[in-house]
Structures are given as structure tokens and as C-alpha cells.
């Protein structure tokens, strides 16, 4: 049986910022993927970037380096 693990989930106000995050993370070698926003979190665009918790410093760097608009970064237990 799979166990839930803490994931860093970044929520965006716009779909274009979510897609730009995906490009920025892939270019920087940051593990993760776009997912629908978990029900525990409310979001404006419905998309979120999900990465292992250990990637949090790298996620913050990608957000800052690319000037992306986001509404929050959450730690959520997901499968």
C-alpha cells in the first residue's frame, strides 16, 4: 500500500504562470509535475506544481528567477 508523503505544492493565479513554472523547473532540473489543485487548497486557475518536499529551495529559486506569480506554496500529504 502506498503511503502519503509531504509534497511542496505551488498554487498559481493564472494558467500561464503554472505552465511557465513547468518550463522553468524542467530547465533547472527540478523534479515535479503539474497537477490539479488538491481539494485541501483553494486556487484561482486550478493548476498547481507538485514536487517532493526536498525540492522546496529549488522551487523558490525558480519562482524568483522567473518572476512567476503564485498565490501560495503549501506542504501537503499526497500519494
PDB file of N, CA and C in Angstrom:
ATOM      1  N   UNK A   1       0.835  -1.183   0.000  1.00  0.00           N
ATOM      2  CA  UNK A   1       0.000   0.000   0.000  1.00  0.00           C
ATOM      3  C   UNK A   1       0.881   1.248   0.000  1.00  0.00           C
ATOM      4  N   UNK A   2       0.533   2.176  -0.856  1.00  0.00           N
ATOM      5  CA  UNK A   2       1.300   3.423  -0.915  1.00  0.00           C
ATOM      6  C   UNK A   2       0.993   4.294   0.298  1.00  0.00           C
ATOM      7  N   UNK A   3       2.001   5.048   0.699  1.00  0.00           N
ATOM      8  CA  UNK A   3       1.822   5.977   1.816  1.00  0.00           C
ATOM      9  C   UNK A   3       1.866   7.403   1.301  1.00  0.00           C
ATOM     10  N   UNK A   4       1.152   8.256   1.988  1.00  0.00           N
ATOM     11  CA  UNK A   4       1.200   9.677   1.649  1.00  0.00           C
ATOM     12  C   UNK A   4       2.557  10.236   2.047  1.00  0.00           C
ATOM     13  N   UNK A   5       3.064  11.156   1.243  1.00  0.00           N
ATOM     14  CA  UNK A   5       4.330  11.822   1.533  1.00  0.00           C
ATOM     15  C   UNK A   5       4.110  13.323   1.407  1.00  0.00           C
ATOM     16  N   UNK A   6       4.863  14.086   2.186  1.00  0.00           N
ATOM     17  CA  UNK A   6       4.759  15.539   2.078  1.00  0.00           C
ATOM     18  C   UNK A   6       5.302  15.991   0.728  1.00  0.00           C
ATOM     19  N   UNK A   7       4.518  16.805   0.059  1.00  0.00           N
ATOM     20  CA  UNK A   7       4.901  17.374  -1.233  1.00  0.00           C
ATOM     21  C   UNK A   7       4.790  18.884  -1.141  1.00  0.00           C
ATOM     22  N   UNK A   8       5.671  19.567  -1.844  1.00  0.00           N
ATOM     23  CA  UNK A   8       5.573  21.021  -1.972  1.00  0.00           C
ATOM     24  C   UNK A   8       4.639  21.295  -3.141  1.00  0.00           C
ATOM     25  N   UNK A   9       3.569  22.029  -2.877  1.00  0.00           N
ATOM     26  CA  UNK A   9       2.566  22.324  -3.897  1.00  0.00           C
ATOM     27  C   UNK A   9       2.487  23.834  -4.064  1.00  0.00           C
ATOM     28  N   UNK A  10       2.772  24.302  -5.275  1.00  0.00           N
ATOM     29  CA  UNK A  10       2.725  25.729  -5.588  1.00  0.00           C
ATOM     30  C   UNK A  10       1.434  25.995  -6.351  1.00  0.00           C
ATOM     31  N   UNK A  11       0.662  26.970  -5.876  1.00  0.00           N
ATOM     32  CA  UNK A  11      -0.621  27.323  -6.474  1.00  0.00           C
ATOM     33  C   UNK A  11      -0.478  28.652  -7.203  1.00  0.00           C
ATOM     34  N   UNK A  12      -1.090  28.736  -8.380  1.00  0.00           N
ATOM     35  CA  UNK A  12      -0.942  29.912  -9.243  1.00  0.00           C
ATOM     36  C   UNK A  12      -2.270  30.608  -9.483  1.00  0.00           C
ATOM     37  N   UNK A  13      -2.187  31.900  -9.772  1.00  0.00           N
ATOM     38  CA  UNK A  13      -3.365  32.685 -10.105  1.00  0.00           C
ATOM     39  C   UNK A  13      -3.732  32.517 -11.573  1.00  0.00           C
ATOM     40  N   UNK A  14      -2.754  32.150 -12.403  1.00  0.00           N
ATOM     41  CA  UNK A  14      -3.037  32.014 -13.832  1.00  0.00           C
ATOM     42  C   UNK A  14      -2.410  30.746 -14.400  1.00  0.00           C
ATOM     43  N   UNK A  15      -3.048  30.225 -15.418  1.00  0.00           N
ATOM     44  CA  UNK A  15      -2.549  29.036 -16.098  1.00  0.00           C
ATOM     45  C   UNK A  15      -1.200  29.309 -16.749  1.00  0.00           C
ATOM     46  N   UNK A  16      -1.013  30.510 -17.276  1.00  0.00           N
ATOM     47  CA  UNK A  16       0.262  30.831 -17.944  1.00  0.00           C
ATOM     48  C   UNK A  16       1.427  30.781 -16.956  1.00  0.00           C
ATOM     49  N   UNK A  17       1.222  31.214 -15.714  1.00  0.00           N
ATOM     50  CA  UNK A  17       2.285  31.110 -14.705  1.00  0.00           C
ATOM     51  C   UNK A  17       2.559  29.647 -14.350  1.00  0.00           C
ATOM     52  N   UNK A  18       1.521  28.824 -14.286  1.00  0.00           N
ATOM     53  CA  UNK A  18       1.709  27.401 -13.990  1.00  0.00           C
ATOM     54  C   UNK A  18       2.528  26.729 -15.086  1.00  0.00           C
ATOM     55  N   UNK A  19       2.230  27.044 -16.326  1.00  0.00           N
ATOM     56  CA  UNK A  19       2.966  26.456 -17.451  1.00  0.00           C
ATOM     57  C   UNK A  19       4.397  26.978 -17.493  1.00  0.00           C
ATOM     58  N   UNK A  20       4.582  28.257 -17.163  1.00  0.00           N
ATOM     59  CA  UNK A  20       5.938  28.821 -17.107  1.00  0.00           C
ATOM     60  C   UNK A  20       6.744  28.149 -15.989  1.00  0.00           C
ATOM     61  N   UNK A  21       6.095  27.805 -14.884  1.00  0.00           N
ATOM     62  CA  UNK A  21       6.769  27.094 -13.796  1.00  0.00           C
ATOM     63  C   UNK A  21       7.243  25.732 -14.272  1.00  0.00           C
ATOM     64  N   UNK A  22       6.401  25.037 -15.016  1.00  0.00           N
ATOM     65  CA  UNK A  22       6.774  23.732 -15.543  1.00  0.00           C
ATOM     66  C   UNK A  22       8.019  23.853 -16.419  1.00  0.00           C
ATOM     67  N   UNK A  23       8.040  24.835 -17.304  1.00  0.00           N
ATOM     68  CA  UNK A  23       9.205  25.046 -18.177  1.00  0.00           C
ATOM     69  C   UNK A  23      10.445  25.395 -17.369  1.00  0.00           C
ATOM     70  N   UNK A  24      10.293  26.313 -16.403  1.00  0.00           N
ATOM     71  CA  UNK A  24      11.422  26.736 -15.578  1.00  0.00           C
ATOM     72  C   UNK A  24      11.999  25.597 -14.753  1.00  0.00           C
ATOM     73  N   UNK A  25      11.126  24.767 -14.195  1.00  0.00           N
ATOM     74  CA  UNK A  25      11.600  23.643 -13.382  1.00  0.00           C
ATOM     75  C   UNK A  25      12.279  22.588 -14.241  1.00  0.00           C
ATOM     76  N   UNK A  26      11.725  22.312 -15.389  1.00  0.00           N
ATOM     77  CA  UNK A  26      12.363  21.325 -16.264  1.00  0.00           C
ATOM     78  C   UNK A  26      13.737  21.818 -16.708  1.00  0.00           C
ATOM     79  N   UNK A  27      13.847  23.102 -17.047  1.00  0.00           N
ATOM     80  CA  UNK A  27      15.131  23.666 -17.469  1.00  0.00           C
ATOM     81  C   UNK A  27      16.155  23.632 -16.334  1.00  0.00           C
ATOM     82  N   UNK A  28      15.701  23.815 -15.098  1.00  0.00           N
ATOM     83  CA  UNK A  28      16.596  23.839 -13.942  1.00  0.00           C
ATOM     84  C   UNK A  28      16.821  22.446 -13.351  1.00  0.00           C
ATOM     85  N   UNK A  29      16.173  21.435 -13.894  1.00  0.00           N
ATOM     86  CA  UNK A  29      16.340  20.076 -13.379  1.00  0.00           C
ATOM     87  C   UNK A  29      15.616  19.810 -12.073  1.00  0.00           C
ATOM     88  N   UNK A  30      14.555  20.571 -11.802  1.00  0.00           N
ATOM     89  CA  UNK A  30      13.779  20.398 -10.569  1.00  0.00           C
ATOM     90  C   UNK A  30      12.698  19.347 -10.818  1.00  0.00           C
ATOM     91  N   UNK A  31      12.666  18.320  -9.991  1.00  0.00           N
ATOM     92  CA  UNK A  31      11.679  17.253 -10.135  1.00  0.00           C
ATOM     93  C   UNK A  31      10.284  17.762  -9.804  1.00  0.00           C
ATOM     94  N   UNK A  32       9.297  17.275 -10.528  1.00  0.00           N
ATOM     95  CA  UNK A  32       7.915  17.623 -10.236  1.00  0.00           C
ATOM     96  C   UNK A  32       7.058  17.585 -11.476  1.00  0.00           C
ATOM     97  N   UNK A  33       5.781  17.959 -11.282  1.00  0.00           N
ATOM     98  CA  UNK A  33       4.845  17.965 -12.399  1.00  0.00           C
ATOM     99  C   UNK A  33       3.644  18.843 -12.071  1.00  0.00           C
ATOM    100  N   UNK A  34       2.903  19.224 -13.113  1.00  0.00           N
ATOM    101  CA  UNK A  34       1.664  19.946 -12.909  1.00  0.00           C
ATOM    102  C   UNK A  34       0.577  18.966 -12.508  1.00  0.00           C
ATOM    103  N   UNK A  35      -0.243  19.372 -11.546  1.00  0.00           N
ATOM    104  CA  UNK A  35      -1.352  18.549 -11.080  1.00  0.00           C
ATOM    105  C   UNK A  35      -2.577  19.436 -10.900  1.00  0.00           C
ATOM    106  N   UNK A  36      -3.775  18.836 -10.848  1.00  0.00           N
ATOM    107  CA  UNK A  36      -4.944  19.628 -10.426  1.00  0.00           C
ATOM    108  C   UNK A  36      -4.739  20.037  -8.967  1.00  0.00           C
ATOM    109  N   UNK A  37      -5.230  21.191  -8.604  1.00  0.00           N
ATOM    110  CA  UNK A  37      -5.056  21.663  -7.229  1.00  0.00           C
ATOM    111  C   UNK A  37      -5.748  20.691  -6.269  1.00  0.00           C
ATOM    112  N   UNK A  38      -5.027  20.224  -5.240  1.00  0.00           N
ATOM    113  CA  UNK A  38      -5.651  19.322  -4.254  1.00  0.00           C
ATOM    114  C   UNK A  38      -6.839  19.990  -3.574  1.00  0.00           C
ATOM    115  N   UNK A  39      -7.803  19.176  -3.155  1.00  0.00           N
ATOM    116  CA  UNK A  39      -9.015  19.720  -2.539  1.00  0.00           C
ATOM    117  C   UNK A  39      -8.739  20.448  -1.233  1.00  0.00           C
ATOM    118  N   UNK A  40      -7.579  20.187  -0.605  1.00  0.00           N
ATOM    119  CA  UNK A  40      -7.232  20.864   0.643  1.00  0.00           C
ATOM    120  C   UNK A  40      -6.880  22.330   0.431  1.00  0.00           C
ATOM    121  N   UNK A  41      -6.644  22.708  -0.847  1.00  0.00           N
ATOM    122  CA  UNK A  41      -6.181  24.053  -1.174  1.00  0.00           C
ATOM    123  C   UNK A  41      -7.155  24.678  -2.165  1.00  0.00           C
ATOM    124  N   UNK A  42      -7.441  25.953  -2.006  1.00  0.00           N
ATOM    125  CA  UNK A  42      -8.236  26.684  -2.994  1.00  0.00           C
ATOM    126  C   UNK A  42      -7.277  27.402  -3.935  1.00  0.00           C
ATOM    127  N   UNK A  43      -7.635  27.481  -5.218  1.00  0.00           N
ATOM    128  CA  UNK A  43      -6.757  28.145  -6.182  1.00  0.00           C
ATOM    129  C   UNK A  43      -7.584  28.830  -7.253  1.00  0.00           C
ATOM    130  N   UNK A  44      -6.952  29.809  -7.902  1.00  0.00           N
ATOM    131  CA  UNK A  44      -7.642  30.568  -8.926  1.00  0.00           C
ATOM    132  C   UNK A  44      -7.670  29.859 -10.276  1.00  0.00           C
ATOM    133  N   UNK A  45      -6.572  29.229 -10.676  1.00  0.00           N
ATOM    134  CA  UNK A  45      -6.518  28.672 -12.027  1.00  0.00           C
ATOM    135  C   UNK A  45      -6.766  27.173 -12.083  1.00  0.00           C
ATOM    136  N   UNK A  46      -6.685  26.469 -10.975  1.00  0.00           N
ATOM    137  CA  UNK A  46      -6.944  25.043 -10.968  1.00  0.00           C
ATOM    138  C   UNK A  46      -5.727  24.168 -11.181  1.00  0.00           C
ATOM    139  N   UNK A  47      -4.572  24.766 -11.510  1.00  0.00           N
ATOM    140  CA  UNK A  47      -3.337  24.005 -11.699  1.00  0.00           C
ATOM    141  C   UNK A  47      -2.345  24.331 -10.596  1.00  0.00           C
ATOM    142  N   UNK A  48      -1.556  23.330 -10.235  1.00  0.00           N
ATOM    143  CA  UNK A  48      -0.522  23.510  -9.215  1.00  0.00           C
ATOM    144  C   UNK A  48       0.715  22.735  -9.641  1.00  0.00           C
ATOM    145  N   UNK A  49       1.882  23.183  -9.170  1.00  0.00           N
ATOM    146  CA  UNK A  49       3.137  22.463  -9.392  1.00  0.00           C
ATOM    147  C   UNK A  49       3.398  21.634  -8.154  1.00  0.00           C
ATOM    148  N   UNK A  50       3.658  20.355  -8.332  1.00  0.00           N
ATOM    149  CA  UNK A  50       3.882  19.438  -7.220  1.00  0.00           C
ATOM    150  C   UNK A  50       5.280  18.847  -7.326  1.00  0.00           C
ATOM    151  N   UNK A  51       6.047  18.954  -6.249  1.00  0.00           N
ATOM    152  CA  UNK A  51       7.406  18.416  -6.182  1.00  0.00           C
ATOM    153  C   UNK A  51       7.625  17.769  -4.830  1.00  0.00           C
ATOM    154  N   UNK A  52       8.630  16.894  -4.732  1.00  0.00           N
ATOM    155  CA  UNK A  52       8.987  16.377  -3.411  1.00  0.00           C
ATOM    156  C   UNK A  52       9.371  17.529  -2.475  1.00  0.00           C
ATOM    157  N   UNK A  53       9.095  17.363  -1.202  1.00  0.00           N
ATOM    158  CA  UNK A  53       9.381  18.405  -0.207  1.00  0.00           C
ATOM    159  C   UNK A  53      10.836  18.866  -0.276  1.00  0.00           C
ATOM    160  N   UNK A  54      11.758  17.967  -0.554  1.00  0.00           N
ATOM    161  CA  UNK A  54      13.188  18.299  -0.598  1.00  0.00           C
ATOM    162  C   UNK A  54      13.527  19.303  -1.697  1.00  0.00           C
ATOM    163  N   UNK A  55      12.651  19.459  -2.680  1.00  0.00           N
ATOM    164  CA  UNK A  55      12.889  20.394  -3.792  1.00  0.00           C
ATOM    165  C   UNK A  55      12.484  21.829  -3.452  1.00  0.00           C
ATOM    166  N   UNK A  56      11.955  22.060  -2.257  1.00  0.00           N
ATOM    167  CA  UNK A  56      11.436  23.388  -1.901  1.00  0.00           C
ATOM    168  C   UNK A  56      12.427  24.523  -2.143  1.00  0.00           C
ATOM    169  N   UNK A  57      13.691  24.419  -1.745  1.00  0.00           N
ATOM    170  CA  UNK A  57      14.627  25.521  -2.032  1.00  0.00           C
ATOM    171  C   UNK A  57      14.797  25.764  -3.537  1.00  0.00           C
ATOM    172  N   UNK A  58      14.802  24.697  -4.321  1.00  0.00           N
ATOM    173  CA  UNK A  58      14.931  24.843  -5.771  1.00  0.00           C
ATOM    174  C   UNK A  58      13.677  25.464  -6.382  1.00  0.00           C
ATOM    175  N   UNK A  59      12.516  25.107  -5.847  1.00  0.00           N
ATOM    176  CA  UNK A  59      11.256  25.690  -6.319  1.00  0.00           C
ATOM    177  C   UNK A  59      11.253  27.189  -6.072  1.00  0.00           C
ATOM    178  N   UNK A  60      11.657  27.584  -4.876  1.00  0.00           N
ATOM    179  CA  UNK A  60      11.694  29.015  -4.541  1.00  0.00           C
ATOM    180  C   UNK A  60      12.645  29.767  -5.463  1.00  0.00           C
ATOM    181  N   UNK A  61      13.767  29.141  -5.813  1.00  0.00           N
ATOM    182  CA  UNK A  61      14.724  29.767  -6.729  1.00  0.00           C
ATOM    183  C   UNK A  61      14.117  29.948  -8.115  1.00  0.00           C
ATOM    184  N   UNK A  62      13.425  28.927  -8.627  1.00  0.00           N
ATOM    185  CA  UNK A  62      12.793  29.022  -9.948  1.00  0.00           C
ATOM    186  C   UNK A  62      11.715  30.103  -9.947  1.00  0.00           C
ATOM    187  N   UNK A  63      10.917  30.173  -8.890  1.00  0.00           N
ATOM    188  CA  UNK A  63       9.883  31.210  -8.796  1.00  0.00           C
ATOM    189  C   UNK A  63      10.503  32.599  -8.844  1.00  0.00           C
ATOM    190  N   UNK A  64      11.568  32.804  -8.078  1.00  0.00           N
ATOM    191  CA  UNK A  64      12.220  34.119  -8.021  1.00  0.00           C
ATOM    192  C   UNK A  64      12.939  34.450  -9.329  1.00  0.00           C
ATOM    193  N   UNK A  65      13.678  33.492  -9.876  1.00  0.00           N
ATOM    194  CA  UNK A  65      14.452  33.739 -11.096  1.00  0.00           C
ATOM    195  C   UNK A  65      13.569  34.061 -12.295  1.00  0.00           C
ATOM    196  N   UNK A  66      12.357  33.491 -12.316  1.00  0.00           N
ATOM    197  CA  UNK A  66      11.469  33.680 -13.458  1.00  0.00           C
ATOM    198  C   UNK A  66      10.372  34.708 -13.207  1.00  0.00           C
ATOM    199  N   UNK A  67      10.341  35.285 -12.018  1.00  0.00           N
ATOM    200  CA  UNK A  67       9.339  36.302 -11.697  1.00  0.00           C
ATOM    201  C   UNK A  67       7.912  35.802 -11.843  1.00  0.00           C
ATOM    202  N   UNK A  68       7.663  34.573 -11.434  1.00  0.00           N
ATOM    203  CA  UNK A  68       6.338  33.977 -11.613  1.00  0.00           C
ATOM    204  C   UNK A  68       5.377  34.417 -10.524  1.00  0.00           C
ATOM    205  N   UNK A  69       4.131  34.632 -10.919  1.00  0.00           N
ATOM    206  CA  UNK A  69       3.087  34.988  -9.973  1.00  0.00           C
ATOM    207  C   UNK A  69       2.459  33.738  -9.388  1.00  0.00           C
ATOM    208  N   UNK A  70       2.475  33.616  -8.081  1.00  0.00           N
ATOM    209  CA  UNK A  70       1.876  32.456  -7.426  1.00  0.00           C
ATOM    210  C   UNK A  70       1.107  32.935  -6.210  1.00  0.00           C
ATOM    211  N   UNK A  71       0.120  32.152  -5.800  1.00  0.00           N
ATOM    212  CA  UNK A  71      -0.699  32.569  -4.658  1.00  0.00           C
ATOM    213  C   UNK A  71      -0.315  31.876  -3.371  1.00  0.00           C
ATOM    214  N   UNK A  72       0.530  30.828  -3.450  1.00  0.00           N
ATOM    215  CA  UNK A  72       0.970  30.171  -2.236  1.00  0.00           C
ATOM    216  C   UNK A  72       1.793  28.936  -2.504  1.00  0.00           C
ATOM    217  N   UNK A  73       2.605  28.587  -1.501  1.00  0.00           N
ATOM    218  CA  UNK A  73       3.365  27.341  -1.508  1.00  0.00           C
ATOM    219  C   UNK A  73       2.940  26.584  -0.252  1.00  0.00           C
ATOM    220  N   UNK A  74       2.466  25.360  -0.450  1.00  0.00           N
ATOM    221  CA  UNK A  74       1.920  24.574   0.650  1.00  0.00           C
ATOM    222  C   UNK A  74       2.634  23.235   0.743  1.00  0.00           C
ATOM    223  N   UNK A  75       2.739  22.705   1.946  1.00  0.00           N
ATOM    224  CA  UNK A  75       3.188  21.330   2.139  1.00  0.00           C
ATOM    225  C   UNK A  75       1.942  20.497   2.392  1.00  0.00           C
ATOM    226  N   UNK A  76       1.726  19.516   1.505  1.00  0.00           N
ATOM    227  CA  UNK A  76       0.508  18.715   1.552  1.00  0.00           C
ATOM    228  C   UNK A  76       0.892  17.234   1.480  1.00  0.00           C
ATOM    229  N   UNK A  77       0.251  16.410   2.273  1.00  0.00           N
ATOM    230  CA  UNK A  77       0.484  14.955   2.223  1.00  0.00           C
ATOM    231  C   UNK A  77      -0.299  14.378   1.051  1.00  0.00           C
ATOM    232  N   UNK A  78       0.414  13.900   0.046  1.00  0.00           N
ATOM    233  CA  UNK A  78      -0.197  13.333  -1.164  1.00  0.00           C
ATOM    234  C   UNK A  78       0.408  11.976  -1.472  1.00  0.00           C
ATOM    235  N   UNK A  79      -0.259  11.219  -2.302  1.00  0.00           N
ATOM    236  CA  UNK A  79       0.267   9.936  -2.765  1.00  0.00           C
ATOM    237  C   UNK A  79       1.243  10.155  -3.867  1.00  0.00           C
TER     238      UNK A  79
END
